[in-house]
């Protein structure tokens, strides 16, 4: 079973930037999407961004469009989330996830079956 490990979280002032990384433990697992989600205290987990593995097409939630960028480095088996112009409302635990089920054909923000442990992002005002 592949494992995903996030890193790069921390404390930053509003307007600042962070880059999150998500490293997979193996190169050989088949993934259809890689995504980032977040969960703020007292709220449900929400979709942030995703990348379709076969085409590199990217998707973003409306609150982060124009500020966040998802990318990947195949040589490092890593997916990144570059977060710029951070706002206090971006404060959350950020999770990396993979969609590996070939039978799932739902929307890009659903169907993820492998999850990382999460990394805390705190944006101070």
PDB file of N, CA and C in Angstrom:
ATOM      1  N   UNK A   1       0.844  -1.188   0.000  1.00  0.00           N
ATOM      2  CA  UNK A   1       0.000   0.000   0.000  1.00  0.00           C
ATOM      3  C   UNK A   1       0.883   1.242   0.000  1.00  0.00           C
ATOM      4  N   UNK A   2       0.638   2.114  -0.946  1.00  0.00           N
ATOM      5  CA  UNK A   2       1.429   3.325  -1.042  1.00  0.00           C
ATOM      6  C   UNK A   2       1.125   4.237   0.152  1.00  0.00           C
ATOM      7  N   UNK A   3       2.116   4.965   0.562  1.00  0.00           N
ATOM      8  CA  UNK A   3       1.946   5.970   1.617  1.00  0.00           C
ATOM      9  C   UNK A   3       2.279   7.337   1.053  1.00  0.00           C
ATOM     10  N   UNK A   4       1.536   8.321   1.505  1.00  0.00           N
ATOM     11  CA  UNK A   4       1.759   9.704   1.105  1.00  0.00           C
ATOM     12  C   UNK A   4       2.208  10.487   2.333  1.00  0.00           C
ATOM     13  N   UNK A   5       3.251  11.271   2.174  1.00  0.00           N
ATOM     14  CA  UNK A   5       3.796  12.035   3.295  1.00  0.00           C
ATOM     15  C   UNK A   5       3.860  13.500   2.905  1.00  0.00           C
ATOM     16  N   UNK A   6       3.111  14.333   3.642  1.00  0.00           N
ATOM     17  CA  UNK A   6       3.114  15.769   3.395  1.00  0.00           C
ATOM     18  C   UNK A   6       4.188  16.452   4.234  1.00  0.00           C
ATOM     19  N   UNK A   7       4.654  17.567   3.728  1.00  0.00           N
ATOM     20  CA  UNK A   7       5.569  18.412   4.479  1.00  0.00           C
ATOM     21  C   UNK A   7       5.443  19.841   3.960  1.00  0.00           C
ATOM     22  N   UNK A   8       6.037  20.765   4.708  1.00  0.00           N
ATOM     23  CA  UNK A   8       6.064  22.148   4.262  1.00  0.00           C
ATOM     24  C   UNK A   8       5.098  23.077   4.961  1.00  0.00           C
ATOM     25  N   UNK A   9       4.270  22.539   5.839  1.00  0.00           N
ATOM     26  CA  UNK A   9       3.363  23.407   6.567  1.00  0.00           C
ATOM     27  C   UNK A   9       4.108  24.261   7.583  1.00  0.00           C
ATOM     28  N   UNK A  10       3.381  25.205   8.161  1.00  0.00           N
ATOM     29  CA  UNK A  10       3.987  26.068   9.165  1.00  0.00           C
ATOM     30  C   UNK A  10       3.152  27.286   9.435  1.00  0.00           C
ATOM     31  N   UNK A  11       3.786  28.241  10.112  1.00  0.00           N
ATOM     32  CA  UNK A  11       3.134  29.499  10.472  1.00  0.00           C
ATOM     33  C   UNK A  11       3.651  30.595   9.555  1.00  0.00           C
ATOM     34  N   UNK A  12       2.742  31.350   8.971  1.00  0.00           N
ATOM     35  CA  UNK A  12       3.128  32.423   8.057  1.00  0.00           C
ATOM     36  C   UNK A  12       2.169  33.592   8.252  1.00  0.00           C
ATOM     37  N   UNK A  13       2.653  34.783   7.978  1.00  0.00           N
ATOM     38  CA  UNK A  13       1.801  35.958   8.073  1.00  0.00           C
ATOM     39  C   UNK A  13       0.925  36.078   6.833  1.00  0.00           C
ATOM     40  N   UNK A  14      -0.192  36.732   7.004  1.00  0.00           N
ATOM     41  CA  UNK A  14      -1.078  36.976   5.865  1.00  0.00           C
ATOM     42  C   UNK A  14      -0.300  37.669   4.745  1.00  0.00           C
ATOM     43  N   UNK A  15      -0.538  37.213   3.531  1.00  0.00           N
ATOM     44  CA  UNK A  15       0.180  37.727   2.384  1.00  0.00           C
ATOM     45  C   UNK A  15       1.416  36.934   2.029  1.00  0.00           C
ATOM     46  N   UNK A  16       1.816  36.053   2.918  1.00  0.00           N
ATOM     47  CA  UNK A  16       3.010  35.251   2.696  1.00  0.00           C
ATOM     48  C   UNK A  16       2.747  34.019   1.841  1.00  0.00           C
ATOM     49  N   UNK A  17       3.788  33.194   1.718  1.00  0.00           N
ATOM     50  CA  UNK A  17       3.721  32.015   0.859  1.00  0.00           C
ATOM     51  C   UNK A  17       4.258  30.796   1.586  1.00  0.00           C
ATOM     52  N   UNK A  18       3.754  29.645   1.185  1.00  0.00           N
ATOM     53  CA  UNK A  18       4.271  28.358   1.621  1.00  0.00           C
ATOM     54  C   UNK A  18       4.180  27.394   0.446  1.00  0.00           C
ATOM     55  N   UNK A  19       5.065  26.402   0.451  1.00  0.00           N
ATOM     56  CA  UNK A  19       4.959  25.339  -0.528  1.00  0.00           C
ATOM     57  C   UNK A  19       4.847  24.008   0.195  1.00  0.00           C
ATOM     58  N   UNK A  20       3.765  23.333  -0.044  1.00  0.00           N
ATOM     59  CA  UNK A  20       3.556  22.008   0.521  1.00  0.00           C
ATOM     60  C   UNK A  20       4.060  20.950  -0.452  1.00  0.00           C
ATOM     61  N   UNK A  21       4.601  19.891   0.109  1.00  0.00           N
ATOM     62  CA  UNK A  21       5.071  18.765  -0.695  1.00  0.00           C
ATOM     63  C   UNK A  21       4.355  17.503  -0.271  1.00  0.00           C
ATOM     64  N   UNK A  22       4.164  16.613  -1.220  1.00  0.00           N
ATOM     65  CA  UNK A  22       3.538  15.320  -0.958  1.00  0.00           C
ATOM     66  C   UNK A  22       4.362  14.272  -1.685  1.00  0.00           C
ATOM     67  N   UNK A  23       5.074  13.481  -0.903  1.00  0.00           N
ATOM     68  CA  UNK A  23       5.931  12.455  -1.470  1.00  0.00           C
ATOM     69  C   UNK A  23       5.262  11.093  -1.344  1.00  0.00           C
ATOM     70  N   UNK A  24       5.267  10.358  -2.436  1.00  0.00           N
ATOM     71  CA  UNK A  24       4.709   9.004  -2.418  1.00  0.00           C
ATOM     72  C   UNK A  24       5.822   8.011  -2.121  1.00  0.00           C
ATOM     73  N   UNK A  25       5.461   6.951  -1.406  1.00  0.00           N
ATOM     74  CA  UNK A  25       6.472   5.982  -0.972  1.00  0.00           C
ATOM     75  C   UNK A  25       6.917   5.052  -2.087  1.00  0.00           C
ATOM     76  N   UNK A  26       6.155   5.014  -3.173  1.00  0.00           N
ATOM     77  CA  UNK A  26       6.526   4.153  -4.289  1.00  0.00           C
ATOM     78  C   UNK A  26       6.167   4.840  -5.598  1.00  0.00           C
ATOM     79  N   UNK A  27       6.963   4.575  -6.615  1.00  0.00           N
ATOM     80  CA  UNK A  27       6.704   5.162  -7.932  1.00  0.00           C
ATOM     81  C   UNK A  27       5.718   4.337  -8.736  1.00  0.00           C
ATOM     82  N   UNK A  28       5.492   3.102  -8.289  1.00  0.00           N
ATOM     83  CA  UNK A  28       4.821   2.157  -9.178  1.00  0.00           C
ATOM     84  C   UNK A  28       3.307   2.094  -9.003  1.00  0.00           C
ATOM     85  N   UNK A  29       2.753   2.886  -8.114  1.00  0.00           N
ATOM     86  CA  UNK A  29       1.305   2.793  -7.976  1.00  0.00           C
ATOM     87  C   UNK A  29       0.611   3.639  -9.032  1.00  0.00           C
ATOM     88  N   UNK A  30      -0.521   3.130  -9.477  1.00  0.00           N
ATOM     89  CA  UNK A  30      -1.297   3.810 -10.509  1.00  0.00           C
ATOM     90  C   UNK A  30      -2.215   4.830  -9.865  1.00  0.00           C
ATOM     91  N   UNK A  31      -2.103   6.047 -10.314  1.00  0.00           N
ATOM     92  CA  UNK A  31      -2.953   7.093  -9.764  1.00  0.00           C
ATOM     93  C   UNK A  31      -3.611   7.836 -10.909  1.00  0.00           C
ATOM     94  N   UNK A  32      -4.823   8.222 -10.734  1.00  0.00           N
ATOM     95  CA  UNK A  32      -5.565   8.919 -11.779  1.00  0.00           C
ATOM     96  C   UNK A  32      -5.642  10.414 -11.477  1.00  0.00           C
ATOM     97  N   UNK A  33      -5.709  10.727 -10.208  1.00  0.00           N
ATOM     98  CA  UNK A  33      -5.655  12.106  -9.744  1.00  0.00           C
ATOM     99  C   UNK A  33      -4.805  12.158  -8.481  1.00  0.00           C
ATOM    100  N   UNK A  34      -4.151  13.269  -8.286  1.00  0.00           N
ATOM    101  CA  UNK A  34      -3.559  13.613  -7.003  1.00  0.00           C
ATOM    102  C   UNK A  34      -4.208  14.921  -6.576  1.00  0.00           C
ATOM    103  N   UNK A  35      -4.570  14.992  -5.308  1.00  0.00           N
ATOM    104  CA  UNK A  35      -5.284  16.175  -4.860  1.00  0.00           C
ATOM    105  C   UNK A  35      -4.818  16.676  -3.515  1.00  0.00           C
ATOM    106  N   UNK A  36      -5.198  17.907  -3.253  1.00  0.00           N
ATOM    107  CA  UNK A  36      -4.991  18.516  -1.944  1.00  0.00           C
ATOM    108  C   UNK A  36      -6.348  18.903  -1.371  1.00  0.00           C
ATOM    109  N   UNK A  37      -6.513  18.611  -0.103  1.00  0.00           N
ATOM    110  CA  UNK A  37      -7.718  18.958   0.626  1.00  0.00           C
ATOM    111  C   UNK A  37      -7.308  19.656   1.910  1.00  0.00           C
ATOM    112  N   UNK A  38      -8.239  20.311   2.564  1.00  0.00           N
ATOM    113  CA  UNK A  38      -7.928  20.950   3.837  1.00  0.00           C
ATOM    114  C   UNK A  38      -9.123  20.866   4.773  1.00  0.00           C
ATOM    115  N   UNK A  39      -8.811  20.917   6.046  1.00  0.00           N
ATOM    116  CA  UNK A  39      -9.855  20.894   7.055  1.00  0.00           C
ATOM    117  C   UNK A  39      -9.515  21.893   8.146  1.00  0.00           C
ATOM    118  N   UNK A  40     -10.356  22.887   8.267  1.00  0.00           N
ATOM    119  CA  UNK A  40     -10.201  23.896   9.309  1.00  0.00           C
ATOM    120  C   UNK A  40     -10.927  23.435  10.571  1.00  0.00           C
ATOM    121  N   UNK A  41     -10.545  23.956  11.721  1.00  0.00           N
ATOM    122  CA  UNK A  41     -11.199  23.553  12.972  1.00  0.00           C
ATOM    123  C   UNK A  41     -12.703  23.780  12.920  1.00  0.00           C
ATOM    124  N   UNK A  42     -13.462  22.740  13.265  1.00  0.00           N
ATOM    125  CA  UNK A  42     -14.904  22.860  13.297  1.00  0.00           C
ATOM    126  C   UNK A  42     -15.579  22.802  11.945  1.00  0.00           C
ATOM    127  N   UNK A  43     -14.807  22.558  10.902  1.00  0.00           N
ATOM    128  CA  UNK A  43     -15.387  22.514   9.562  1.00  0.00           C
ATOM    129  C   UNK A  43     -15.129  21.165   8.913  1.00  0.00           C
ATOM    130  N   UNK A  44     -15.885  20.885   7.865  1.00  0.00           N
ATOM    131  CA  UNK A  44     -15.662  19.661   7.119  1.00  0.00           C
ATOM    132  C   UNK A  44     -14.456  19.814   6.199  1.00  0.00           C
ATOM    133  N   UNK A  45     -13.888  18.691   5.856  1.00  0.00           N
ATOM    134  CA  UNK A  45     -12.770  18.710   4.920  1.00  0.00           C
ATOM    135  C   UNK A  45     -13.280  19.187   3.564  1.00  0.00           C
ATOM    136  N   UNK A  46     -12.474  20.010   2.894  1.00  0.00           N
ATOM    137  CA  UNK A  46     -12.884  20.555   1.611  1.00  0.00           C
ATOM    138  C   UNK A  46     -11.793  20.390   0.568  1.00  0.00           C
ATOM    139  N   UNK A  47     -12.227  20.305  -0.664  1.00  0.00           N
ATOM    140  CA  UNK A  47     -11.317  20.198  -1.802  1.00  0.00           C
ATOM    141  C   UNK A  47     -10.581  21.508  -2.013  1.00  0.00           C
ATOM    142  N   UNK A  48      -9.296  21.399  -2.339  1.00  0.00           N
ATOM    143  CA  UNK A  48      -8.478  22.583  -2.637  1.00  0.00           C
ATOM    144  C   UNK A  48      -8.018  22.578  -4.092  1.00  0.00           C
ATOM    145  N   UNK A  49      -7.375  21.485  -4.490  1.00  0.00           N
ATOM    146  CA  UNK A  49      -6.803  21.444  -5.831  1.00  0.00           C
ATOM    147  C   UNK A  49      -6.520  20.003  -6.211  1.00  0.00           C
ATOM    148  N   UNK A  50      -6.452  19.747  -7.529  1.00  0.00           N
ATOM    149  CA  UNK A  50      -6.133  18.408  -8.010  1.00  0.00           C
ATOM    150  C   UNK A  50      -5.431  18.493  -9.348  1.00  0.00           C
ATOM    151  N   UNK A  51      -4.723  17.432  -9.665  1.00  0.00           N
ATOM    152  CA  UNK A  51      -4.064  17.316 -10.951  1.00  0.00           C
ATOM    153  C   UNK A  51      -4.400  15.945 -11.533  1.00  0.00           C
ATOM    154  N   UNK A  52      -4.853  15.946 -12.780  1.00  0.00           N
ATOM    155  CA  UNK A  52      -5.149  14.691 -13.464  1.00  0.00           C
ATOM    156  C   UNK A  52      -3.832  14.117 -13.961  1.00  0.00           C
ATOM    157  N   UNK A  53      -3.530  12.914 -13.529  1.00  0.00           N
ATOM    158  CA  UNK A  53      -2.181  12.382 -13.750  1.00  0.00           C
ATOM    159  C   UNK A  53      -1.848  12.176 -15.213  1.00  0.00           C
ATOM    160  N   UNK A  54      -2.825  11.782 -16.020  1.00  0.00           N
ATOM    161  CA  UNK A  54      -2.532  11.450 -17.412  1.00  0.00           C
ATOM    162  C   UNK A  54      -2.341  12.676 -18.294  1.00  0.00           C
ATOM    163  N   UNK A  55      -2.904  13.811 -17.886  1.00  0.00           N
ATOM    164  CA  UNK A  55      -2.884  14.976 -18.765  1.00  0.00           C
ATOM    165  C   UNK A  55      -2.253  16.212 -18.135  1.00  0.00           C
ATOM    166  N   UNK A  56      -1.992  16.162 -16.832  1.00  0.00           N
ATOM    167  CA  UNK A  56      -1.495  17.325 -16.100  1.00  0.00           C
ATOM    168  C   UNK A  56      -2.535  18.434 -15.983  1.00  0.00           C
ATOM    169  N   UNK A  57      -3.761  18.159 -16.330  1.00  0.00           N
ATOM    170  CA  UNK A  57      -4.786  19.183 -16.193  1.00  0.00           C
ATOM    171  C   UNK A  57      -5.010  19.438 -14.711  1.00  0.00           C
ATOM    172  N   UNK A  58      -5.176  20.708 -14.377  1.00  0.00           N
ATOM    173  CA  UNK A  58      -5.310  21.074 -12.961  1.00  0.00           C
ATOM    174  C   UNK A  58      -6.684  21.661 -12.653  1.00  0.00           C
ATOM    175  N   UNK A  59      -7.060  21.525 -11.408  1.00  0.00           N
ATOM    176  CA  UNK A  59      -8.361  21.988 -10.929  1.00  0.00           C
ATOM    177  C   UNK A  59      -8.155  22.730  -9.610  1.00  0.00           C
ATOM    178  N   UNK A  60      -8.977  23.738  -9.392  1.00  0.00           N
ATOM    179  CA  UNK A  60      -8.860  24.522  -8.171  1.00  0.00           C
ATOM    180  C   UNK A  60     -10.230  24.883  -7.624  1.00  0.00           C
ATOM    181  N   UNK A  61     -10.314  24.913  -6.304  1.00  0.00           N
ATOM    182  CA  UNK A  61     -11.515  25.441  -5.666  1.00  0.00           C
ATOM    183  C   UNK A  61     -11.531  26.956  -5.835  1.00  0.00           C
ATOM    184  N   UNK A  62     -12.709  27.517  -5.892  1.00  0.00           N
ATOM    185  CA  UNK A  62     -12.822  28.957  -6.140  1.00  0.00           C
ATOM    186  C   UNK A  62     -12.042  29.810  -5.137  1.00  0.00           C
ATOM    187  N   UNK A  63     -12.043  29.483  -3.840  1.00  0.00           N
ATOM    188  CA  UNK A  63     -11.345  30.354  -2.882  1.00  0.00           C
ATOM    189  C   UNK A  63      -9.823  30.440  -3.091  1.00  0.00           C
ATOM    190  N   UNK A  64      -9.243  29.498  -3.835  1.00  0.00           N
ATOM    191  CA  UNK A  64      -7.788  29.497  -3.986  1.00  0.00           C
ATOM    192  C   UNK A  64      -7.342  29.789  -5.410  1.00  0.00           C
ATOM    193  N   UNK A  65      -8.267  29.927  -6.323  1.00  0.00           N
ATOM    194  CA  UNK A  65      -7.902  30.196  -7.716  1.00  0.00           C
ATOM    195  C   UNK A  65      -7.099  31.484  -7.809  1.00  0.00           C
ATOM    196  N   UNK A  66      -6.011  31.401  -8.563  1.00  0.00           N
ATOM    197  CA  UNK A  66      -5.167  32.563  -8.747  1.00  0.00           C
ATOM    198  C   UNK A  66      -4.129  32.740  -7.652  1.00  0.00           C
ATOM    199  N   UNK A  67      -4.247  31.986  -6.572  1.00  0.00           N
ATOM    200  CA  UNK A  67      -3.288  32.091  -5.461  1.00  0.00           C
ATOM    201  C   UNK A  67      -2.494  30.799  -5.261  1.00  0.00           C
ATOM    202  N   UNK A  68      -3.125  29.675  -5.487  1.00  0.00           N
ATOM    203  CA  UNK A  68      -2.474  28.374  -5.286  1.00  0.00           C
ATOM    204  C   UNK A  68      -2.163  27.738  -6.637  1.00  0.00           C
ATOM    205  N   UNK A  69      -1.075  26.961  -6.670  1.00  0.00           N
ATOM    206  CA  UNK A  69      -0.696  26.242  -7.880  1.00  0.00           C
ATOM    207  C   UNK A  69      -0.279  24.830  -7.512  1.00  0.00           C
ATOM    208  N   UNK A  70      -0.896  23.859  -8.157  1.00  0.00           N
ATOM    209  CA  UNK A  70      -0.503  22.465  -7.955  1.00  0.00           C
ATOM    210  C   UNK A  70       0.426  22.064  -9.090  1.00  0.00           C
ATOM    211  N   UNK A  71       1.440  21.265  -8.748  1.00  0.00           N
ATOM    212  CA  UNK A  71       2.386  20.809  -9.759  1.00  0.00           C
ATOM    213  C   UNK A  71       2.974  19.482  -9.306  1.00  0.00           C
ATOM    214  N   UNK A  72       3.753  18.879 -10.195  1.00  0.00           N
ATOM    215  CA  UNK A  72       4.361  17.613  -9.830  1.00  0.00           C
ATOM    216  C   UNK A  72       5.768  17.540 -10.395  1.00  0.00           C
ATOM    217  N   UNK A  73       6.571  16.738  -9.747  1.00  0.00           N
ATOM    218  CA  UNK A  73       7.925  16.445 -10.200  1.00  0.00           C
ATOM    219  C   UNK A  73       8.048  14.929 -10.248  1.00  0.00           C
ATOM    220  N   UNK A  74       7.982  14.389 -11.458  1.00  0.00           N
ATOM    221  CA  UNK A  74       8.005  12.931 -11.588  1.00  0.00           C
ATOM    222  C   UNK A  74       9.320  12.342 -11.084  1.00  0.00           C
ATOM    223  N   UNK A  75      10.415  13.058 -11.275  1.00  0.00           N
ATOM    224  CA  UNK A  75      11.717  12.532 -10.867  1.00  0.00           C
ATOM    225  C   UNK A  75      11.804  12.362  -9.353  1.00  0.00           C
ATOM    226  N   UNK A  76      11.032  13.172  -8.636  1.00  0.00           N
ATOM    227  CA  UNK A  76      11.034  13.100  -7.180  1.00  0.00           C
ATOM    228  C   UNK A  76       9.784  12.416  -6.648  1.00  0.00           C
ATOM    229  N   UNK A  77       8.908  12.004  -7.551  1.00  0.00           N
ATOM    230  CA  UNK A  77       7.676  11.330  -7.150  1.00  0.00           C
ATOM    231  C   UNK A  77       6.904  12.186  -6.145  1.00  0.00           C
ATOM    232  N   UNK A  78       6.844  13.456  -6.422  1.00  0.00           N
ATOM    233  CA  UNK A  78       6.305  14.419  -5.464  1.00  0.00           C
ATOM    234  C   UNK A  78       5.324  15.361  -6.150  1.00  0.00           C
ATOM    235  N   UNK A  79       4.279  15.687  -5.416  1.00  0.00           N
ATOM    236  CA  UNK A  79       3.309  16.695  -5.843  1.00  0.00           C
ATOM    237  C   UNK A  79       3.436  17.888  -4.904  1.00  0.00           C
ATOM    238  N   UNK A  80       3.316  19.079  -5.463  1.00  0.00           N
ATOM    239  CA  UNK A  80       3.472  20.296  -4.682  1.00  0.00           C
ATOM    240  C   UNK A  80       2.194  21.131  -4.701  1.00  0.00           C
ATOM    241  N   UNK A  81       2.059  21.935  -3.676  1.00  0.00           N
ATOM    242  CA  UNK A  81       1.016  22.955  -3.663  1.00  0.00           C
ATOM    243  C   UNK A  81       1.685  24.257  -3.253  1.00  0.00           C
ATOM    244  N   UNK A  82       1.891  25.118  -4.232  1.00  0.00           N
ATOM    245  CA  UNK A  82       2.440  26.443  -3.967  1.00  0.00           C
ATOM    246  C   UNK A  82       1.303  27.364  -3.568  1.00  0.00           C
ATOM    247  N   UNK A  83       1.416  27.945  -2.384  1.00  0.00           N
ATOM    248  CA  UNK A  83       0.354  28.793  -1.854  1.00  0.00           C
ATOM    249  C   UNK A  83       0.888  30.201  -1.664  1.00  0.00           C
ATOM    250  N   UNK A  84       0.347  31.121  -2.417  1.00  0.00           N
ATOM    251  CA  UNK A  84       0.744  32.526  -2.346  1.00  0.00           C
ATOM    252  C   UNK A  84      -0.408  33.381  -1.828  1.00  0.00           C
ATOM    253  N   UNK A  85      -0.076  34.575  -1.416  1.00  0.00           N
ATOM    254  CA  UNK A  85      -1.082  35.525  -0.928  1.00  0.00           C
ATOM    255  C   UNK A  85      -1.995  34.874   0.100  1.00  0.00           C
ATOM    256  N   UNK A  86      -1.384  34.210   1.048  1.00  0.00           N
ATOM    257  CA  UNK A  86      -2.156  33.465   2.028  1.00  0.00           C
ATOM    258  C   UNK A  86      -3.000  34.387   2.898  1.00  0.00           C
ATOM    259  N   UNK A  87      -4.153  33.869   3.276  1.00  0.00           N
ATOM    260  CA  UNK A  87      -5.111  34.602   4.094  1.00  0.00           C
ATOM    261  C   UNK A  87      -5.370  33.820   5.385  1.00  0.00           C
ATOM    262  N   UNK A  88      -5.796  34.490   6.430  1.00  0.00           N
ATOM    263  CA  UNK A  88      -6.113  33.757   7.675  1.00  0.00           C
ATOM    264  C   UNK A  88      -7.124  32.630   7.453  1.00  0.00           C
ATOM    265  N   UNK A  89      -8.034  32.811   6.528  1.00  0.00           N
ATOM    266  CA  UNK A  89      -9.034  31.768   6.263  1.00  0.00           C
ATOM    267  C   UNK A  89      -8.456  30.541   5.558  1.00  0.00           C
ATOM    268  N   UNK A  90      -7.180  30.597   5.167  1.00  0.00           N
ATOM    269  CA  UNK A  90      -6.509  29.423   4.615  1.00  0.00           C
ATOM    270  C   UNK A  90      -5.972  28.510   5.723  1.00  0.00           C
ATOM    271  N   UNK A  91      -6.055  28.955   6.953  1.00  0.00           N
ATOM    272  CA  UNK A  91      -5.575  28.153   8.077  1.00  0.00           C
ATOM    273  C   UNK A  91      -6.356  26.839   8.161  1.00  0.00           C
ATOM    274  N   UNK A  92      -5.608  25.732   8.157  1.00  0.00           N
ATOM    275  CA  UNK A  92      -6.223  24.409   8.162  1.00  0.00           C
ATOM    276  C   UNK A  92      -5.127  23.350   8.193  1.00  0.00           C
ATOM    277  N   UNK A  93      -5.558  22.115   8.396  1.00  0.00           N
ATOM    278  CA  UNK A  93      -4.672  20.981   8.140  1.00  0.00           C
ATOM    279  C   UNK A  93      -4.863  20.608   6.670  1.00  0.00           C
ATOM    280  N   UNK A  94      -3.760  20.535   5.966  1.00  0.00           N
ATOM    281  CA  UNK A  94      -3.792  20.225   4.546  1.00  0.00           C
ATOM    282  C   UNK A  94      -3.402  18.767   4.338  1.00  0.00           C
ATOM    283  N   UNK A  95      -4.203  18.089   3.531  1.00  0.00           N
ATOM    284  CA  UNK A  95      -4.003  16.678   3.255  1.00  0.00           C
ATOM    285  C   UNK A  95      -3.753  16.451   1.769  1.00  0.00           C
ATOM    286  N   UNK A  96      -2.811  15.585   1.508  1.00  0.00           N
ATOM    287  CA  UNK A  96      -2.564  15.105   0.158  1.00  0.00           C
ATOM    288  C   UNK A  96      -3.334  13.798  -0.024  1.00  0.00           C
ATOM    289  N   UNK A  97      -3.835  13.563  -1.236  1.00  0.00           N
ATOM    290  CA  UNK A  97      -4.592  12.345  -1.474  1.00  0.00           C
ATOM    291  C   UNK A  97      -4.401  11.878  -2.910  1.00  0.00           C
ATOM    292  N   UNK A  98      -4.600  10.593  -3.100  1.00  0.00           N
ATOM    293  CA  UNK A  98      -4.495   9.990  -4.425  1.00  0.00           C
ATOM    294  C   UNK A  98      -5.771   9.230  -4.740  1.00  0.00           C
ATOM    295  N   UNK A  99      -6.171   9.285  -5.997  1.00  0.00           N
ATOM    296  CA  UNK A  99      -7.305   8.477  -6.444  1.00  0.00           C
ATOM    297  C   UNK A  99      -6.728   7.362  -7.289  1.00  0.00           C
ATOM    298  N   UNK A 100      -6.850   6.145  -6.808  1.00  0.00           N
ATOM    299  CA  UNK A 100      -6.194   5.015  -7.454  1.00  0.00           C
ATOM    300  C   UNK A 100      -7.174   3.994  -8.030  1.00  0.00           C
ATOM    301  N   UNK A 101      -8.449   4.167  -7.764  1.00  0.00           N
ATOM    302  CA  UNK A 101      -9.442   3.188  -8.211  1.00  0.00           C
ATOM    303  C   UNK A 101      -9.782   3.398  -9.676  1.00  0.00           C
ATOM    304  N   UNK A 102      -9.450   2.434 -10.546  1.00  0.00           N
ATOM    305  CA  UNK A 102      -9.720   2.607 -11.975  1.00  0.00           C
ATOM    306  C   UNK A 102     -11.202   2.561 -12.316  1.00  0.00           C
ATOM    307  N   UNK A 103     -12.008   2.045 -11.385  1.00  0.00           N
ATOM    308  CA  UNK A 103     -13.447   1.922 -11.659  1.00  0.00           C
ATOM    309  C   UNK A 103     -14.213   3.187 -11.291  1.00  0.00           C
ATOM    310  N   UNK A 104     -13.576   4.099 -10.624  1.00  0.00           N
ATOM    311  CA  UNK A 104     -14.278   5.317 -10.180  1.00  0.00           C
ATOM    312  C   UNK A 104     -14.209   6.356 -11.275  1.00  0.00           C
ATOM    313  N   UNK A 105     -15.349   6.883 -11.664  1.00  0.00           N
ATOM    314  CA  UNK A 105     -15.393   7.850 -12.761  1.00  0.00           C
ATOM    315  C   UNK A 105     -16.068   9.157 -12.358  1.00  0.00           C
ATOM    316  N   UNK A 106     -16.111   9.398 -11.066  1.00  0.00           N
ATOM    317  CA  UNK A 106     -16.764  10.604 -10.584  1.00  0.00           C
ATOM    318  C   UNK A 106     -15.929  11.848 -10.774  1.00  0.00           C
ATOM    319  N   UNK A 107     -16.397  12.927 -10.184  1.00  0.00           N
ATOM    320  CA  UNK A 107     -15.752  14.225 -10.358  1.00  0.00           C
ATOM    321  C   UNK A 107     -14.342  14.235  -9.779  1.00  0.00           C
ATOM    322  N   UNK A 108     -13.568  15.207 -10.205  1.00  0.00           N
ATOM    323  CA  UNK A 108     -12.158  15.290  -9.832  1.00  0.00           C
ATOM    324  C   UNK A 108     -11.946  15.540  -8.339  1.00  0.00           C
ATOM    325  N   UNK A 109     -12.977  15.986  -7.657  1.00  0.00           N
ATOM    326  CA  UNK A 109     -12.830  16.311  -6.238  1.00  0.00           C
ATOM    327  C   UNK A 109     -13.294  15.178  -5.335  1.00  0.00           C
ATOM    328  N   UNK A 110     -13.601  14.030  -5.909  1.00  0.00           N
ATOM    329  CA  UNK A 110     -14.126  12.916  -5.126  1.00  0.00           C
ATOM    330  C   UNK A 110     -13.418  11.611  -5.478  1.00  0.00           C
ATOM    331  N   UNK A 111     -13.650  10.590  -4.650  1.00  0.00           N
ATOM    332  CA  UNK A 111     -13.148   9.260  -4.951  1.00  0.00           C
ATOM    333  C   UNK A 111     -11.722   8.992  -4.530  1.00  0.00           C
ATOM    334  N   UNK A 112     -11.153   9.852  -3.704  1.00  0.00           N
ATOM    335  CA  UNK A 112      -9.767   9.661  -3.268  1.00  0.00           C
ATOM    336  C   UNK A 112      -9.704   8.574  -2.207  1.00  0.00           C
ATOM    337  N   UNK A 113      -8.758   7.647  -2.380  1.00  0.00           N
ATOM    338  CA  UNK A 113      -8.732   6.493  -1.499  1.00  0.00           C
ATOM    339  C   UNK A 113      -7.415   6.296  -0.766  1.00  0.00           C
ATOM    340  N   UNK A 114      -6.429   7.109  -1.031  1.00  0.00           N
ATOM    341  CA  UNK A 114      -5.171   7.067  -0.290  1.00  0.00           C
ATOM    342  C   UNK A 114      -4.907   8.474   0.237  1.00  0.00           C
ATOM    343  N   UNK A 115      -4.631   8.565   1.542  1.00  0.00           N
ATOM    344  CA  UNK A 115      -4.497   9.872   2.183  1.00  0.00           C
ATOM    345  C   UNK A 115      -3.209   9.968   2.974  1.00  0.00           C
ATOM    346  N   UNK A 116      -2.647  11.160   3.004  1.00  0.00           N
ATOM    347  CA  UNK A 116      -1.529  11.424   3.881  1.00  0.00           C
ATOM    348  C   UNK A 116      -2.008  11.777   5.273  1.00  0.00           C
ATOM    349  N   UNK A 117      -1.048  12.056   6.148  1.00  0.00           N
ATOM    350  CA  UNK A 117      -1.373  12.310   7.546  1.00  0.00           C
ATOM    351  C   UNK A 117      -1.728  13.765   7.811  1.00  0.00           C
ATOM    352  N   UNK A 118      -1.430  14.635   6.881  1.00  0.00           N
ATOM    353  CA  UNK A 118      -1.771  16.042   7.010  1.00  0.00           C
ATOM    354  C   UNK A 118      -0.625  16.886   7.524  1.00  0.00           C
ATOM    355  N   UNK A 119      -0.650  18.154   7.144  1.00  0.00           N
ATOM    356  CA  UNK A 119       0.328  19.121   7.625  1.00  0.00           C
ATOM    357  C   UNK A 119      -0.404  20.418   7.957  1.00  0.00           C
ATOM    358  N   UNK A 120      -0.046  21.008   9.090  1.00  0.00           N
ATOM    359  CA  UNK A 120      -0.747  22.198   9.566  1.00  0.00           C
ATOM    360  C   UNK A 120      -0.236  23.456   8.876  1.00  0.00           C
ATOM    361  N   UNK A 121      -1.156  24.252   8.399  1.00  0.00           N
ATOM    362  CA  UNK A 121      -0.849  25.578   7.866  1.00  0.00           C
ATOM    363  C   UNK A 121      -1.612  26.596   8.703  1.00  0.00           C
ATOM    364  N   UNK A 122      -0.885  27.541   9.268  1.00  0.00           N
ATOM    365  CA  UNK A 122      -1.494  28.586  10.075  1.00  0.00           C
ATOM    366  C   UNK A 122      -1.092  29.942   9.511  1.00  0.00           C
ATOM    367  N   UNK A 123      -2.083  30.750   9.194  1.00  0.00           N
ATOM    368  CA  UNK A 123      -1.845  32.076   8.625  1.00  0.00           C
ATOM    369  C   UNK A 123      -2.312  33.101   9.643  1.00  0.00           C
ATOM    370  N   UNK A 124      -1.392  33.922  10.105  1.00  0.00           N
ATOM    371  CA  UNK A 124      -1.736  34.936  11.101  1.00  0.00           C
ATOM    372  C   UNK A 124      -2.078  36.254  10.424  1.00  0.00           C
ATOM    373  N   UNK A 125      -2.948  36.995  11.064  1.00  0.00           N
ATOM    374  CA  UNK A 125      -3.386  38.268  10.474  1.00  0.00           C
ATOM    375  C   UNK A 125      -2.522  39.418  10.936  1.00  0.00           C
TER     376      UNK A 125
END
